[in-house]
């Protein structure tokens, strides 16, 4: 759908034209108002056309996320193997190595602080 397809071509009058004589200024103001309203409605329509698919995708993604998380947790806790949960939460060798290095560094720094206090 094109945003230009929305138009205020339908003009309704409250009084028959024979009874109302508009001045040039009133006609100009009416045309300006009509153009402003048409522009406003085009902006609103564009905004809604832009927002609706985003809202739908957000709801779909949230639904999938909740369902997926629920299924994954069921799979983890109801796994046939008893070691599925510990295997998923086990530390990697790299993390263990870095922790050992940091402990050694902390120990060396504490020793250095003790030596400096003795001086």
N, C-alpha and C. Protein backbone atom coordinates (compact mmCIF):
# COMPACT_ATOMS: atom_id res chain seq x y z
N UNK A 1 0.83 -1.18 0.00
CA UNK A 1 0.00 0.00 0.00
C UNK A 1 0.87 1.24 0.00
N UNK A 2 0.54 2.16 -0.80
CA UNK A 2 1.28 3.41 -0.89
C UNK A 2 0.74 4.40 0.11
N UNK A 3 1.64 5.23 0.64
CA UNK A 3 1.19 6.25 1.59
C UNK A 3 0.39 7.33 0.89
N UNK A 4 0.53 7.43 -0.42
CA UNK A 4 -0.22 8.44 -1.17
C UNK A 4 -1.65 8.01 -1.44
N UNK A 5 -1.97 6.73 -1.18
CA UNK A 5 -3.31 6.26 -1.47
C UNK A 5 -4.33 6.82 -0.47
N UNK A 6 -3.85 7.24 0.69
CA UNK A 6 -4.74 7.83 1.68
C UNK A 6 -4.94 9.29 1.32
N UNK A 7 -6.14 9.68 1.12
CA UNK A 7 -6.41 11.06 0.74
C UNK A 7 -7.74 11.49 1.31
N UNK A 8 -7.84 12.77 1.50
CA UNK A 8 -9.10 13.32 2.00
C UNK A 8 -9.93 13.86 0.85
N UNK A 9 -10.09 13.06 -0.17
CA UNK A 9 -10.84 13.51 -1.33
C UNK A 9 -12.33 13.62 -1.03
N UNK A 10 -12.79 12.86 -0.07
CA UNK A 10 -14.20 12.91 0.29
C UNK A 10 -14.43 14.18 1.10
N UNK A 11 -15.16 15.09 0.57
CA UNK A 11 -15.40 16.36 1.26
C UNK A 11 -16.86 16.42 1.66
N UNK A 12 -17.07 16.59 2.95
CA UNK A 12 -18.44 16.70 3.44
C UNK A 12 -18.68 18.13 3.86
N UNK A 13 -19.85 18.59 3.63
CA UNK A 13 -20.20 19.94 4.03
C UNK A 13 -21.34 19.87 5.03
N UNK A 14 -21.29 20.76 6.01
CA UNK A 14 -22.32 20.79 7.02
C UNK A 14 -23.54 21.58 6.54
N UNK A 15 -23.30 22.53 5.66
CA UNK A 15 -24.38 23.35 5.14
C UNK A 15 -24.35 23.28 3.62
N UNK A 16 -25.51 23.38 3.02
CA UNK A 16 -25.52 23.39 1.56
C UNK A 16 -24.72 24.58 1.04
N UNK A 17 -24.03 24.39 -0.07
CA UNK A 17 -23.18 25.44 -0.64
C UNK A 17 -23.96 26.71 -1.01
N UNK A 18 -25.20 26.57 -1.32
CA UNK A 18 -25.98 27.74 -1.73
C UNK A 18 -26.14 28.72 -0.58
N UNK A 19 -26.14 28.23 0.65
CA UNK A 19 -26.35 29.11 1.80
C UNK A 19 -25.06 29.74 2.30
N UNK A 20 -23.89 29.17 1.96
CA UNK A 20 -22.62 29.65 2.51
C UNK A 20 -21.80 30.26 1.38
N UNK A 21 -21.41 31.49 1.59
CA UNK A 21 -20.51 32.15 0.64
C UNK A 21 -19.19 32.37 1.35
N UNK A 22 -18.16 31.67 0.92
CA UNK A 22 -16.86 31.77 1.57
C UNK A 22 -16.03 32.88 0.93
N UNK A 23 -15.31 33.57 1.77
CA UNK A 23 -14.41 34.60 1.26
C UNK A 23 -13.16 33.91 0.74
N UNK A 24 -12.36 34.68 0.02
CA UNK A 24 -11.10 34.12 -0.50
C UNK A 24 -10.20 33.67 0.63
N UNK A 25 -10.16 34.40 1.69
CA UNK A 25 -9.33 34.05 2.84
C UNK A 25 -9.81 32.74 3.47
N UNK A 26 -11.12 32.56 3.62
CA UNK A 26 -11.66 31.34 4.19
C UNK A 26 -11.37 30.13 3.30
N UNK A 27 -11.45 30.32 2.01
CA UNK A 27 -11.13 29.24 1.07
C UNK A 27 -9.66 28.88 1.20
N UNK A 28 -8.80 29.88 1.29
CA UNK A 28 -7.36 29.64 1.44
C UNK A 28 -7.07 28.92 2.75
N UNK A 29 -7.70 29.38 3.84
CA UNK A 29 -7.49 28.73 5.14
C UNK A 29 -7.99 27.29 5.11
N UNK A 30 -9.12 27.07 4.47
CA UNK A 30 -9.67 25.72 4.37
C UNK A 30 -8.72 24.81 3.58
N UNK A 31 -8.16 25.32 2.49
CA UNK A 31 -7.21 24.53 1.69
C UNK A 31 -5.94 24.24 2.47
N UNK A 32 -5.44 25.23 3.20
CA UNK A 32 -4.24 25.01 4.01
C UNK A 32 -4.52 23.97 5.08
N UNK A 33 -5.67 24.09 5.73
CA UNK A 33 -6.04 23.12 6.76
C UNK A 33 -6.18 21.72 6.18
N UNK A 34 -6.79 21.61 5.00
CA UNK A 34 -6.95 20.33 4.33
C UNK A 34 -5.58 19.71 4.02
N UNK A 35 -4.65 20.54 3.52
CA UNK A 35 -3.31 20.04 3.20
C UNK A 35 -2.58 19.60 4.46
N UNK A 36 -2.72 20.37 5.54
CA UNK A 36 -2.08 19.98 6.81
C UNK A 36 -2.65 18.66 7.32
N UNK A 37 -3.96 18.51 7.24
CA UNK A 37 -4.57 17.26 7.68
C UNK A 37 -4.14 16.08 6.83
N UNK A 38 -4.08 16.26 5.52
CA UNK A 38 -3.62 15.18 4.63
C UNK A 38 -2.19 14.79 4.96
N UNK A 39 -1.34 15.79 5.19
CA UNK A 39 0.06 15.51 5.54
C UNK A 39 0.14 14.78 6.88
N UNK A 40 -0.64 15.24 7.86
CA UNK A 40 -0.66 14.60 9.17
C UNK A 40 -1.11 13.14 9.06
N UNK A 41 -2.18 12.89 8.31
CA UNK A 41 -2.67 11.52 8.16
C UNK A 41 -1.65 10.64 7.43
N UNK A 42 -0.93 11.19 6.48
CA UNK A 42 0.13 10.42 5.81
C UNK A 42 1.22 10.06 6.81
N UNK A 43 1.59 11.01 7.67
CA UNK A 43 2.62 10.73 8.68
C UNK A 43 2.16 9.66 9.67
N UNK A 44 0.93 9.77 10.12
CA UNK A 44 0.39 8.79 11.06
C UNK A 44 0.33 7.41 10.41
N UNK A 45 -0.13 7.37 9.18
CA UNK A 45 -0.23 6.09 8.47
C UNK A 45 1.15 5.46 8.29
N UNK A 46 2.13 6.27 7.89
CA UNK A 46 3.50 5.77 7.74
C UNK A 46 4.02 5.25 9.07
N UNK A 47 3.76 5.99 10.13
CA UNK A 47 4.21 5.58 11.45
C UNK A 47 3.59 4.26 11.87
N UNK A 48 2.29 4.10 11.63
CA UNK A 48 1.61 2.85 11.99
C UNK A 48 2.12 1.71 11.11
N UNK A 49 2.28 1.97 9.82
CA UNK A 49 2.80 0.92 8.92
C UNK A 49 4.20 0.49 9.33
N UNK A 50 4.97 1.39 9.91
CA UNK A 50 6.31 1.07 10.36
C UNK A 50 6.28 0.34 11.70
N UNK A 51 5.37 0.73 12.60
CA UNK A 51 5.36 0.19 13.96
C UNK A 51 4.72 -1.19 14.05
N UNK A 52 3.73 -1.47 13.26
CA UNK A 52 2.99 -2.74 13.38
C UNK A 52 3.89 -3.95 13.12
N UNK A 53 4.66 -4.00 12.03
CA UNK A 53 5.52 -5.18 11.84
C UNK A 53 6.57 -5.32 12.95
N UNK A 54 7.06 -4.20 13.44
CA UNK A 54 8.04 -4.26 14.54
C UNK A 54 7.40 -4.84 15.79
N UNK A 55 6.18 -4.44 16.10
CA UNK A 55 5.48 -4.96 17.27
C UNK A 55 5.21 -6.45 17.12
N UNK A 56 4.81 -6.85 15.93
CA UNK A 56 4.54 -8.28 15.68
C UNK A 56 5.81 -9.09 15.85
N UNK A 57 6.91 -8.61 15.28
CA UNK A 57 8.19 -9.33 15.41
C UNK A 57 8.63 -9.39 16.86
N UNK A 58 8.45 -8.31 17.61
CA UNK A 58 8.82 -8.30 19.02
C UNK A 58 8.04 -9.36 19.78
N UNK A 59 6.73 -9.44 19.54
CA UNK A 59 5.92 -10.45 20.23
C UNK A 59 6.34 -11.86 19.82
N UNK A 60 6.64 -12.05 18.53
CA UNK A 60 7.06 -13.38 18.08
C UNK A 60 8.40 -13.77 18.70
N UNK A 61 9.34 -12.84 18.72
CA UNK A 61 10.66 -13.14 19.29
C UNK A 61 10.54 -13.43 20.78
N UNK A 62 9.75 -12.65 21.50
CA UNK A 62 9.57 -12.89 22.93
C UNK A 62 8.93 -14.25 23.18
N UNK A 63 7.96 -14.61 22.37
CA UNK A 63 7.30 -15.92 22.52
C UNK A 63 8.29 -17.05 22.26
N UNK A 64 9.05 -16.93 21.20
CA UNK A 64 10.04 -17.96 20.87
C UNK A 64 11.10 -18.05 21.96
N UNK A 65 11.52 -16.90 22.47
CA UNK A 65 12.54 -16.88 23.51
C UNK A 65 12.05 -17.60 24.77
N UNK A 66 10.82 -17.31 25.19
CA UNK A 66 10.28 -17.97 26.38
C UNK A 66 10.13 -19.47 26.16
N UNK A 67 9.61 -19.85 25.00
CA UNK A 67 9.41 -21.27 24.70
C UNK A 67 10.75 -21.99 24.62
N UNK A 68 11.70 -21.38 23.94
CA UNK A 68 13.02 -22.00 23.79
C UNK A 68 13.71 -22.16 25.13
N UNK A 69 13.65 -21.13 25.96
CA UNK A 69 14.28 -21.21 27.28
C UNK A 69 13.64 -22.31 28.11
N UNK A 70 12.33 -22.40 28.06
CA UNK A 70 11.62 -23.44 28.81
C UNK A 70 12.03 -24.84 28.33
N UNK A 71 12.08 -25.01 27.03
CA UNK A 71 12.46 -26.32 26.48
C UNK A 71 13.91 -26.68 26.80
N UNK A 72 14.79 -25.70 26.72
CA UNK A 72 16.20 -25.96 27.05
C UNK A 72 16.36 -26.36 28.52
N UNK A 73 15.67 -25.66 29.40
CA UNK A 73 15.77 -26.00 30.82
C UNK A 73 15.19 -27.39 31.08
N UNK A 74 14.08 -27.73 30.43
CA UNK A 74 13.53 -29.08 30.58
C UNK A 74 14.52 -30.11 30.07
N UNK A 75 15.16 -29.83 28.95
CA UNK A 75 16.13 -30.76 28.39
C UNK A 75 17.32 -30.95 29.33
N UNK A 76 17.77 -29.86 29.92
CA UNK A 76 18.92 -29.95 30.83
C UNK A 76 18.56 -30.76 32.07
N UNK A 77 17.42 -30.45 32.68
CA UNK A 77 17.07 -31.11 33.93
C UNK A 77 16.51 -32.51 33.74
N UNK A 78 15.94 -32.78 32.58
CA UNK A 78 15.34 -34.10 32.35
C UNK A 78 16.20 -34.95 31.42
N UNK A 79 17.46 -34.60 31.30
CA UNK A 79 18.35 -35.35 30.40
C UNK A 79 18.51 -36.78 30.92
N UNK A 80 18.69 -37.70 29.98
CA UNK A 80 18.85 -39.11 30.35
C UNK A 80 20.17 -39.33 31.10
N UNK A 81 21.19 -38.59 30.69
CA UNK A 81 22.48 -38.74 31.36
C UNK A 81 22.46 -37.94 32.66
N UNK A 82 23.03 -38.51 33.69
CA UNK A 82 23.09 -37.79 34.97
C UNK A 82 24.15 -36.70 34.95
N UNK A 83 25.08 -36.77 34.02
CA UNK A 83 26.17 -35.79 34.00
C UNK A 83 25.92 -34.64 33.03
N UNK A 84 24.71 -34.48 32.53
CA UNK A 84 24.43 -33.41 31.56
C UNK A 84 24.59 -32.04 32.20
N UNK A 85 24.02 -31.84 33.38
CA UNK A 85 24.10 -30.52 34.03
C UNK A 85 25.53 -30.18 34.45
N UNK A 86 26.25 -31.09 35.11
CA UNK A 86 27.65 -30.76 35.45
C UNK A 86 28.53 -30.53 34.21
N UNK A 87 28.23 -31.23 33.14
CA UNK A 87 29.03 -31.05 31.92
C UNK A 87 28.82 -29.66 31.34
N UNK A 88 27.60 -29.15 31.45
CA UNK A 88 27.31 -27.82 30.92
C UNK A 88 27.85 -26.71 31.80
N UNK A 89 27.99 -26.98 33.08
CA UNK A 89 28.45 -25.93 34.00
C UNK A 89 29.92 -26.08 34.39
N UNK A 90 30.61 -27.01 33.77
CA UNK A 90 32.02 -27.24 34.08
C UNK A 90 32.88 -26.08 33.57
N UNK A 91 33.91 -25.75 34.35
CA UNK A 91 34.84 -24.69 33.96
C UNK A 91 35.75 -25.17 32.85
N UNK A 92 36.11 -24.26 31.99
CA UNK A 92 37.04 -24.63 30.93
C UNK A 92 38.46 -24.66 31.50
N UNK A 93 39.36 -25.34 30.79
CA UNK A 93 40.75 -25.44 31.22
C UNK A 93 41.42 -24.06 31.24
N UNK A 94 41.06 -23.22 30.31
CA UNK A 94 41.62 -21.86 30.24
C UNK A 94 41.27 -21.06 31.49
N UNK A 95 40.03 -21.17 31.95
CA UNK A 95 39.61 -20.45 33.15
C UNK A 95 40.35 -20.98 34.37
N UNK A 96 40.50 -22.28 34.46
CA UNK A 96 41.26 -22.87 35.58
C UNK A 96 42.71 -22.41 35.57
N UNK A 97 43.32 -22.35 34.38
CA UNK A 97 44.72 -21.92 34.28
C UNK A 97 44.86 -20.46 34.70
N UNK A 98 43.95 -19.61 34.23
CA UNK A 98 44.02 -18.19 34.58
C UNK A 98 43.78 -17.97 36.07
N UNK A 99 42.88 -18.77 36.66
CA UNK A 99 42.64 -18.65 38.10
C UNK A 99 43.88 -19.03 38.88
N UNK A 100 44.56 -20.08 38.48
CA UNK A 100 45.79 -20.49 39.16
C UNK A 100 46.86 -19.41 39.02
N UNK A 101 46.99 -18.82 37.83
CA UNK A 101 47.97 -17.74 37.64
C UNK A 101 47.64 -16.55 38.53
N UNK A 102 46.37 -16.20 38.61
CA UNK A 102 45.97 -15.06 39.44
C UNK A 102 46.20 -15.33 40.92
N UNK A 103 45.95 -16.56 41.36
CA UNK A 103 46.23 -16.92 42.76
C UNK A 103 47.72 -16.80 43.06
N UNK A 104 48.55 -17.27 42.13
CA UNK A 104 50.00 -17.16 42.32
C UNK A 104 50.42 -15.69 42.36
N UNK A 105 49.84 -14.87 41.49
CA UNK A 105 50.16 -13.45 41.47
C UNK A 105 49.73 -12.77 42.76
N UNK A 106 48.55 -13.12 43.28
CA UNK A 106 48.09 -12.54 44.54
C UNK A 106 49.02 -12.94 45.68
N UNK A 107 49.43 -14.19 45.69
CA UNK A 107 50.35 -14.67 46.73
C UNK A 107 51.68 -13.91 46.67
N UNK A 108 52.18 -13.70 45.45
CA UNK A 108 53.45 -12.97 45.29
C UNK A 108 53.28 -11.51 45.73
N UNK A 109 52.17 -10.90 45.42
CA UNK A 109 51.94 -9.51 45.83
C UNK A 109 51.80 -9.39 47.34
N UNK A 110 51.13 -10.34 47.98
CA UNK A 110 51.03 -10.32 49.44
C UNK A 110 52.39 -10.48 50.09
N UNK A 111 53.22 -11.35 49.50
CA UNK A 111 54.59 -11.51 50.03
C UNK A 111 55.37 -10.22 49.88
N UNK A 112 55.20 -9.54 48.72
CA UNK A 112 55.90 -8.28 48.51
C UNK A 112 55.45 -7.22 49.49
N UNK A 113 54.16 -7.19 49.81
CA UNK A 113 53.64 -6.22 50.79
C UNK A 113 54.22 -6.51 52.17
N UNK A 114 54.30 -7.77 52.53
CA UNK A 114 54.89 -8.15 53.84
C UNK A 114 56.36 -7.73 53.91
N UNK A 115 57.10 -7.94 52.84
CA UNK A 115 58.52 -7.55 52.81
C UNK A 115 58.64 -6.03 52.95
N UNK A 116 57.80 -5.28 52.27
CA UNK A 116 57.84 -3.82 52.35
C UNK A 116 57.48 -3.32 53.74
N UNK A 117 56.57 -4.00 54.43
CA UNK A 117 56.21 -3.59 55.80
C UNK A 117 57.36 -3.82 56.77
N UNK A 118 58.15 -4.84 56.52
CA UNK A 118 59.27 -5.14 57.41
C UNK A 118 60.39 -4.13 57.24
N UNK A 119 60.47 -3.46 56.12
CA UNK A 119 61.53 -2.48 55.88
C UNK A 119 61.32 -1.22 56.59
